[in-house]
Amino acid sequence: MFFAVLFALLYVLCFFWYYTISDAGLKELYMNMHRMSFMWFSGMNFASFISGLVQVYILGWVVALAIKIAGLCCGCCKDECKIEEKK
């Protein structure tokens, strides 16, 4: 859950950072980066904000799951995960 909340907070920060940019060229670049990164992103509006927020929240869970699976597969956390070693 940590990664999901962290990604969501970073997305909120990035979304509202757009309004602090004064250069038109940078604003266009920022919009293009958001359009490439998030599905159904149509502009700086409420629908795009919610869509992006849901996407990064789900991505946070996927990243956490991938880290958990990688930790189980590498065998480095046998004591923490209670994985018994086969003899």
C-alpha atoms as a PDB file:
ATOM      1  CA  MET A   1       0.000   0.000   0.000  1.00  0.00           C
ATOM      2  CA  PHE A   2       2.974   2.262   0.570  1.00  0.00           C
ATOM      3  CA  PHE A   3       3.884   2.401  -3.117  1.00  0.00           C
ATOM      4  CA  ALA A   4       0.274   3.004  -4.174  1.00  0.00           C
ATOM      5  CA  VAL A   5      -0.110   5.983  -1.848  1.00  0.00           C
ATOM      6  CA  LEU A   6       3.362   7.305  -2.697  1.00  0.00           C
ATOM      7  CA  PHE A   7       2.679   7.139  -6.443  1.00  0.00           C
ATOM      8  CA  ALA A   8      -0.708   8.799  -5.954  1.00  0.00           C
ATOM      9  CA  LEU A   9       0.828  11.662  -3.962  1.00  0.00           C
ATOM     10  CA  LEU A  10       3.539  12.146  -6.566  1.00  0.00           C
ATOM     11  CA  TYR A  11       0.904  12.193  -9.309  1.00  0.00           C
ATOM     12  CA  VAL A  12      -1.093  14.875  -7.482  1.00  0.00           C
ATOM     13  CA  LEU A  13       2.094  16.931  -7.109  1.00  0.00           C
ATOM     14  CA  CYS A  14       2.964  16.530 -10.800  1.00  0.00           C
ATOM     15  CA  PHE A  15      -0.580  17.293 -11.923  1.00  0.00           C
ATOM     16  CA  PHE A  16      -0.746  20.569 -10.053  1.00  0.00           C
ATOM     17  CA  TRP A  17       2.853  21.468 -10.933  1.00  0.00           C
ATOM     18  CA  TYR A  18       1.508  22.193 -14.417  1.00  0.00           C
ATOM     19  CA  TYR A  19      -0.155  25.349 -13.100  1.00  0.00           C
ATOM     20  CA  THR A  20       3.166  26.744 -11.832  1.00  0.00           C
ATOM     21  CA  ILE A  21       4.857  26.555 -15.260  1.00  0.00           C
ATOM     22  CA  SER A  22       4.820  29.853 -17.094  1.00  0.00           C
ATOM     23  CA  ASP A  23       6.542  28.920 -20.378  1.00  0.00           C
ATOM     24  CA  ALA A  24       4.113  27.811 -23.127  1.00  0.00           C
ATOM     25  CA  GLY A  25       6.644  25.416 -24.665  1.00  0.00           C
ATOM     26  CA  LEU A  26       7.219  23.653 -21.359  1.00  0.00           C
ATOM     27  CA  LYS A  27       3.465  23.416 -20.770  1.00  0.00           C
ATOM     28  CA  GLU A  28       3.019  21.713 -24.144  1.00  0.00           C
ATOM     29  CA  LEU A  29       5.890  19.308 -23.406  1.00  0.00           C
ATOM     30  CA  TYR A  30       4.372  18.551 -19.999  1.00  0.00           C
ATOM     31  CA  MET A  31       0.970  17.853 -21.577  1.00  0.00           C
ATOM     32  CA  ASN A  32       2.523  15.558 -24.180  1.00  0.00           C
ATOM     33  CA  MET A  33       4.369  13.625 -21.474  1.00  0.00           C
ATOM     34  CA  HIS A  34       1.107  13.137 -19.578  1.00  0.00           C
ATOM     35  CA  ARG A  35      -0.699  12.028 -22.743  1.00  0.00           C
ATOM     36  CA  MET A  36       2.006   9.438 -23.436  1.00  0.00           C
ATOM     37  CA  SER A  37       2.132   8.207 -19.840  1.00  0.00           C
ATOM     38  CA  PHE A  38      -1.568   7.875 -18.985  1.00  0.00           C
ATOM     39  CA  MET A  39      -4.419   6.298 -20.886  1.00  0.00           C
ATOM     40  CA  TRP A  40      -7.450   8.526 -21.538  1.00  0.00           C
ATOM     41  CA  PHE A  41      -5.562  11.682 -20.561  1.00  0.00           C
ATOM     42  CA  SER A  42      -7.226  14.502 -22.455  1.00  0.00           C
ATOM     43  CA  GLY A  43      -5.995  17.588 -20.635  1.00  0.00           C
ATOM     44  CA  MET A  44      -5.801  19.224 -17.264  1.00  0.00           C
ATOM     45  CA  ASN A  45      -9.379  18.489 -16.236  1.00  0.00           C
ATOM     46  CA  PHE A  46     -11.136  16.518 -13.518  1.00  0.00           C
ATOM     47  CA  ALA A  47     -11.753  13.389 -15.608  1.00  0.00           C
ATOM     48  CA  SER A  48      -8.075  13.137 -16.600  1.00  0.00           C
ATOM     49  CA  PHE A  49      -7.015  13.763 -13.013  1.00  0.00           C
ATOM     50  CA  ILE A  50      -9.164  10.911 -11.662  1.00  0.00           C
ATOM     51  CA  SER A  51      -8.144   8.584 -14.502  1.00  0.00           C
ATOM     52  CA  GLY A  52      -4.446   9.214 -13.909  1.00  0.00           C
ATOM     53  CA  LEU A  53      -4.824   8.906 -10.149  1.00  0.00           C
ATOM     54  CA  VAL A  54      -6.471   5.500 -10.472  1.00  0.00           C
ATOM     55  CA  GLN A  55      -3.785   4.356 -12.913  1.00  0.00           C
ATOM     56  CA  VAL A  56      -0.860   5.327 -10.679  1.00  0.00           C
ATOM     57  CA  TYR A  57      -2.569   3.798  -7.631  1.00  0.00           C
ATOM     58  CA  ILE A  58      -2.918   0.481  -9.460  1.00  0.00           C
ATOM     59  CA  LEU A  59       0.670   0.801 -10.715  1.00  0.00           C
ATOM     60  CA  GLY A  60       1.816   1.217  -7.115  1.00  0.00           C
ATOM     61  CA  TRP A  61       0.170  -2.086  -6.172  1.00  0.00           C
ATOM     62  CA  VAL A  62       1.746  -3.791  -9.197  1.00  0.00           C
ATOM     63  CA  VAL A  63       5.203  -2.504  -8.223  1.00  0.00           C
ATOM     64  CA  ALA A  64       4.711  -3.664  -4.632  1.00  0.00           C
ATOM     65  CA  LEU A  65       3.630  -7.102  -5.844  1.00  0.00           C
ATOM     66  CA  ALA A  66       6.637  -7.335  -8.167  1.00  0.00           C
ATOM     67  CA  ILE A  67       8.977  -6.460  -5.305  1.00  0.00           C
ATOM     68  CA  LYS A  68       7.310  -9.060  -3.111  1.00  0.00           C
ATOM     69  CA  ILE A  69       7.613 -11.756  -5.794  1.00  0.00           C
ATOM     70  CA  ALA A  70      11.245 -10.834  -6.452  1.00  0.00           C
ATOM     71  CA  GLY A  71      11.954 -11.093  -2.739  1.00  0.00           C
ATOM     72  CA  LEU A  72      10.399 -14.546  -2.570  1.00  0.00           C
ATOM     73  CA  CYS A  73      12.266 -15.813  -5.612  1.00  0.00           C
ATOM     74  CA  CYS A  74      15.738 -14.616  -4.695  1.00  0.00           C
ATOM     75  CA  GLY A  75      15.779 -16.421  -1.354  1.00  0.00           C
ATOM     76  CA  CYS A  76      17.214 -13.464   0.513  1.00  0.00           C
ATOM     77  CA  CYS A  77      14.351 -13.167   3.000  1.00  0.00           C
ATOM     78  CA  LYS A  78      13.732 -16.755   4.105  1.00  0.00           C
ATOM     79  CA  ASP A  79      13.414 -15.821   7.757  1.00  0.00           C
ATOM     80  CA  GLU A  80      10.997 -12.945   7.121  1.00  0.00           C
ATOM     81  CA  CYS A  81       8.819 -14.834   4.650  1.00  0.00           C
ATOM     82  CA  LYS A  82       8.937 -18.113   6.590  1.00  0.00           C
ATOM     83  CA  ILE A  83      10.030 -20.109   3.581  1.00  0.00           C
ATOM     84  CA  GLU A  84      11.404 -23.456   4.612  1.00  0.00           C
ATOM     85  CA  GLU A  85      14.471 -24.703   2.836  1.00  0.00           C
ATOM     86  CA  LYS A  86      14.106 -28.106   1.164  1.00  0.00           C
ATOM     87  CA  LYS A  87      16.761 -30.622   2.092  1.00  0.00           C
END
